[in-house]
């Protein structure tokens, strides 16, 4: 709307110039199109900083009520790595304990630069709650010289928090459901219906 309004204003200006100067309409209209393009570029360049343009979710951590997407660049710093996983844990735990549907995605890369997309989907139905985990890996197959995708998936029926071990100790202390603790301080442990540990992160 901002660009359209500016363009209409410029049209009026051009018409006045034509009447006063007698310039060729074709030349002026050509210049007017160039000005419009410049206005469009300026709008998108500065509009994002003003909150006028929505930034794509793939470019930053976007978090809505029931969906979140986080992305780690290749070779992230330890702080970036810890923050991303803490955000994922926080989202999962809050939705799990409040019995809310929700999906959180985490895009990361291996040391070799291979893309990994992890998805954690919490599903709530009457008298039941579960979490479906899907991990999609994309890598280059040297034998076939093609990009290949492989997916690992499983379903969990129980989630618990365990304190991060200190000084390299393997002891895992379970955190109570009611305890208030930072997501940077615990791991999430996902179990199946047989109470077998599927993953811990």
Protein backbone atom coordinates (compact mmCIF):
# COMPACT_ATOMS: atom_id res chain seq x y z
CA UNK A 1 0.00 0.00 0.00
CA UNK A 2 2.88 2.35 0.82
CA UNK A 3 4.50 1.74 -2.59
CA UNK A 4 1.18 2.15 -4.44
CA UNK A 5 0.45 5.45 -2.70
CA UNK A 6 3.94 6.76 -3.52
CA UNK A 7 3.55 5.69 -7.14
CA UNK A 8 0.21 7.52 -7.47
CA UNK A 9 1.79 10.65 -6.00
CA UNK A 10 4.66 10.45 -8.51
CA UNK A 11 2.18 10.12 -11.37
CA UNK A 12 0.59 13.42 -10.34
CA UNK A 13 4.01 15.06 -10.22
CA UNK A 14 4.89 13.75 -13.69
CA UNK A 15 1.66 15.09 -15.17
CA UNK A 16 2.41 18.55 -13.76
CA UNK A 17 5.93 18.45 -15.20
CA UNK A 18 4.58 17.46 -18.62
CA UNK A 19 2.24 20.45 -18.61
CA UNK A 20 4.92 22.94 -17.50
CA UNK A 21 8.03 21.63 -19.29
CA UNK A 22 6.55 19.73 -22.20
CA UNK A 23 8.76 16.71 -21.57
CA UNK A 24 8.15 13.50 -23.48
CA UNK A 25 5.72 11.28 -21.53
CA UNK A 26 7.53 8.11 -22.65
CA UNK A 27 10.84 9.25 -21.12
CA UNK A 28 9.21 10.39 -17.88
CA UNK A 29 7.25 7.16 -17.49
CA UNK A 30 10.46 5.18 -17.98
CA UNK A 31 12.11 7.13 -15.20
CA UNK A 32 9.01 6.73 -13.06
CA UNK A 33 9.28 2.91 -13.28
CA UNK A 34 12.89 3.09 -12.15
CA UNK A 35 11.87 5.25 -9.19
CA UNK A 36 9.15 2.76 -8.28
CA UNK A 37 11.68 -0.08 -8.25
CA UNK A 38 13.97 1.93 -6.01
CA UNK A 39 11.11 2.66 -3.61
CA UNK A 40 10.26 -1.04 -3.46
CA UNK A 41 13.86 -1.96 -2.66
CA UNK A 42 14.05 0.71 0.03
CA UNK A 43 10.79 -0.47 1.58
CA UNK A 44 11.98 -4.06 1.92
CA UNK A 45 15.44 -3.00 3.04
CA UNK A 46 14.20 -0.84 5.91
CA UNK A 47 10.72 -2.25 6.43
CA UNK A 48 11.99 -5.41 8.17
CA UNK A 49 13.81 -3.30 10.76
CA UNK A 50 10.62 -1.38 11.43
CA UNK A 51 8.54 -4.52 11.83
CA UNK A 52 6.74 -3.91 8.53
CA UNK A 53 8.02 -6.99 6.73
CA UNK A 54 7.79 -10.49 8.16
CA UNK A 55 11.16 -12.20 8.34
CA UNK A 56 11.12 -15.78 6.97
CA UNK A 57 11.09 -18.45 9.66
CA UNK A 58 14.11 -20.11 8.11
CA UNK A 59 16.21 -17.07 8.96
CA UNK A 60 15.61 -16.85 12.68
CA UNK A 61 14.01 -18.62 15.62
CA UNK A 62 10.29 -18.17 15.04
CA UNK A 63 8.03 -19.16 17.89
CA UNK A 64 4.22 -19.20 17.71
CA UNK A 65 1.72 -20.54 20.24
CA UNK A 66 1.87 -24.13 19.04
CA UNK A 67 4.77 -24.27 16.60
CA UNK A 68 8.41 -23.25 16.75
CA UNK A 69 11.37 -23.42 14.41
CA UNK A 70 15.01 -23.05 15.39
CA UNK A 71 18.05 -23.18 13.15
CA UNK A 72 21.71 -23.78 13.87
CA UNK A 73 24.31 -22.70 11.34
CA UNK A 74 27.21 -24.90 10.29
CA UNK A 75 29.82 -25.10 13.08
CA UNK A 76 27.86 -23.13 15.70
CA UNK A 77 29.47 -21.86 18.87
CA UNK A 78 28.82 -23.84 22.04
CA UNK A 79 26.57 -21.06 23.30
CA UNK A 80 24.48 -21.10 20.11
CA UNK A 81 24.22 -24.88 20.30
CA UNK A 82 23.17 -24.86 23.97
CA UNK A 83 20.64 -22.06 23.43
CA UNK A 84 18.94 -23.80 20.49
CA UNK A 85 18.55 -27.10 22.33
CA UNK A 86 17.39 -25.31 25.50
CA UNK A 87 14.65 -23.62 23.47
CA UNK A 88 13.58 -26.98 22.04
CA UNK A 89 13.48 -28.55 25.50
CA UNK A 90 11.51 -25.64 26.92
CA UNK A 91 8.90 -25.82 24.15
CA UNK A 92 8.46 -29.58 24.51
CA UNK A 93 8.23 -29.56 28.30
CA UNK A 94 5.77 -26.65 28.48
CA UNK A 95 3.45 -28.25 25.93
CA UNK A 96 3.78 -31.71 27.46
CA UNK A 97 2.98 -30.62 31.02
CA UNK A 98 0.08 -28.40 29.92
CA UNK A 99 -1.38 -31.07 27.59
CA UNK A 100 -1.16 -28.90 24.49
CA UNK A 101 -0.59 -29.93 20.89
CA UNK A 102 2.61 -28.50 19.48
CA UNK A 103 5.45 -29.09 17.05
CA UNK A 104 9.00 -27.85 17.30
CA UNK A 105 11.60 -28.12 14.54
CA UNK A 106 15.37 -27.89 14.82
CA UNK A 107 17.58 -27.60 11.75
CA UNK A 108 21.25 -28.33 12.35
CA UNK A 109 24.34 -29.54 10.53
CA UNK A 110 26.94 -32.21 11.18
CA UNK A 111 30.67 -31.44 11.24
CA UNK A 112 30.76 -32.57 7.61
CA UNK A 113 28.07 -30.02 6.70
CA UNK A 114 25.24 -32.54 6.34
CA UNK A 115 21.80 -31.13 7.09
CA UNK A 116 19.71 -32.64 9.89
CA UNK A 117 16.07 -31.69 10.49
CA UNK A 118 14.57 -32.87 13.77
CA UNK A 119 10.84 -32.61 14.43
CA UNK A 120 9.10 -33.18 17.77
CA UNK A 121 5.31 -33.34 17.53
CA UNK A 122 3.21 -33.52 20.68
CA UNK A 123 -0.25 -34.99 20.13
CA UNK A 124 -3.02 -34.76 22.69
CA UNK A 125 -6.18 -36.88 22.50
CA UNK A 126 -8.74 -37.64 25.23
CA UNK A 127 -6.99 -39.44 28.09
CA UNK A 128 -3.71 -39.75 26.19
CA UNK A 129 -0.64 -37.78 25.14
CA UNK A 130 2.33 -38.78 23.00
CA UNK A 131 5.30 -37.30 21.19
CA UNK A 132 6.35 -38.30 17.67
CA UNK A 133 10.00 -37.73 16.86
CA UNK A 134 11.31 -37.60 13.31
CA UNK A 135 14.95 -37.02 12.36
CA UNK A 136 15.71 -36.45 8.70
CA UNK A 137 19.34 -36.52 7.57
CA UNK A 138 20.55 -35.32 4.21
CA UNK A 139 23.96 -36.42 2.98
CA UNK A 140 25.94 -36.92 -0.20
CA UNK A 141 26.36 -40.52 -1.32
CA UNK A 142 29.81 -40.81 -2.89
CA UNK A 143 28.93 -44.13 -4.47
CA UNK A 144 25.93 -42.84 -6.42
CA UNK A 145 27.15 -39.22 -6.49
CA UNK A 146 23.69 -38.08 -5.39
CA UNK A 147 22.13 -36.33 -2.41
CA UNK A 148 20.32 -38.86 -0.20
CA UNK A 149 17.80 -38.44 2.61
CA UNK A 150 17.23 -40.90 5.44
CA UNK A 151 14.61 -40.63 8.16
CA UNK A 152 14.49 -42.10 11.65
CA UNK A 153 11.25 -41.89 13.60
CA UNK A 154 9.78 -43.16 16.85
CA UNK A 155 6.95 -42.39 19.26
CA UNK A 156 7.28 -41.61 22.96
CA UNK A 157 4.71 -41.97 25.71
CA UNK A 158 6.61 -40.47 28.62
CA UNK A 159 8.92 -37.49 29.09
CA UNK A 160 10.96 -36.67 32.16
CA UNK A 161 13.66 -34.16 33.02
CA UNK A 162 17.07 -35.14 34.31
CA UNK A 163 19.72 -32.79 35.61
CA UNK A 164 22.76 -32.34 33.44
CA UNK A 165 25.66 -34.32 34.91
CA UNK A 166 28.48 -32.36 36.48
CA UNK A 167 32.20 -33.03 36.13
CA UNK A 168 31.55 -35.76 33.57
CA UNK A 169 29.64 -37.97 36.00
CA UNK A 170 27.13 -40.33 34.41
CA UNK A 171 24.66 -40.10 37.28
CA UNK A 172 21.27 -38.79 36.14
CA UNK A 173 19.09 -37.19 38.80
CA UNK A 174 15.42 -36.93 37.84
CA UNK A 175 13.78 -33.53 38.27
CA UNK A 176 10.25 -33.47 39.66
CA UNK A 177 7.43 -32.33 37.39
CA UNK A 178 6.64 -29.36 39.64
CA UNK A 179 10.22 -28.10 40.03
CA UNK A 180 11.11 -24.80 38.39
CA UNK A 181 14.44 -25.19 36.63
CA UNK A 182 16.10 -23.58 33.61
CA UNK A 183 16.08 -25.63 30.36
CA UNK A 184 19.83 -25.03 30.23
CA UNK A 185 20.16 -27.12 33.40
CA UNK A 186 18.43 -30.33 32.36
CA UNK A 187 18.09 -32.91 29.60
CA UNK A 188 14.81 -34.34 28.37
CA UNK A 189 14.45 -38.10 28.44
CA UNK A 190 11.83 -39.63 26.14
CA UNK A 191 10.55 -43.15 26.84
CA UNK A 192 8.23 -45.52 25.00
CA UNK A 193 5.19 -47.31 26.44
CA UNK A 194 7.51 -49.97 27.89
CA UNK A 195 9.42 -47.23 29.75
CA UNK A 196 12.49 -47.87 27.62
CA UNK A 197 14.64 -44.80 26.96
CA UNK A 198 14.40 -43.74 23.31
CA UNK A 199 16.54 -40.63 23.49
CA UNK A 200 17.99 -38.08 25.86
CA UNK A 201 19.06 -34.58 24.85
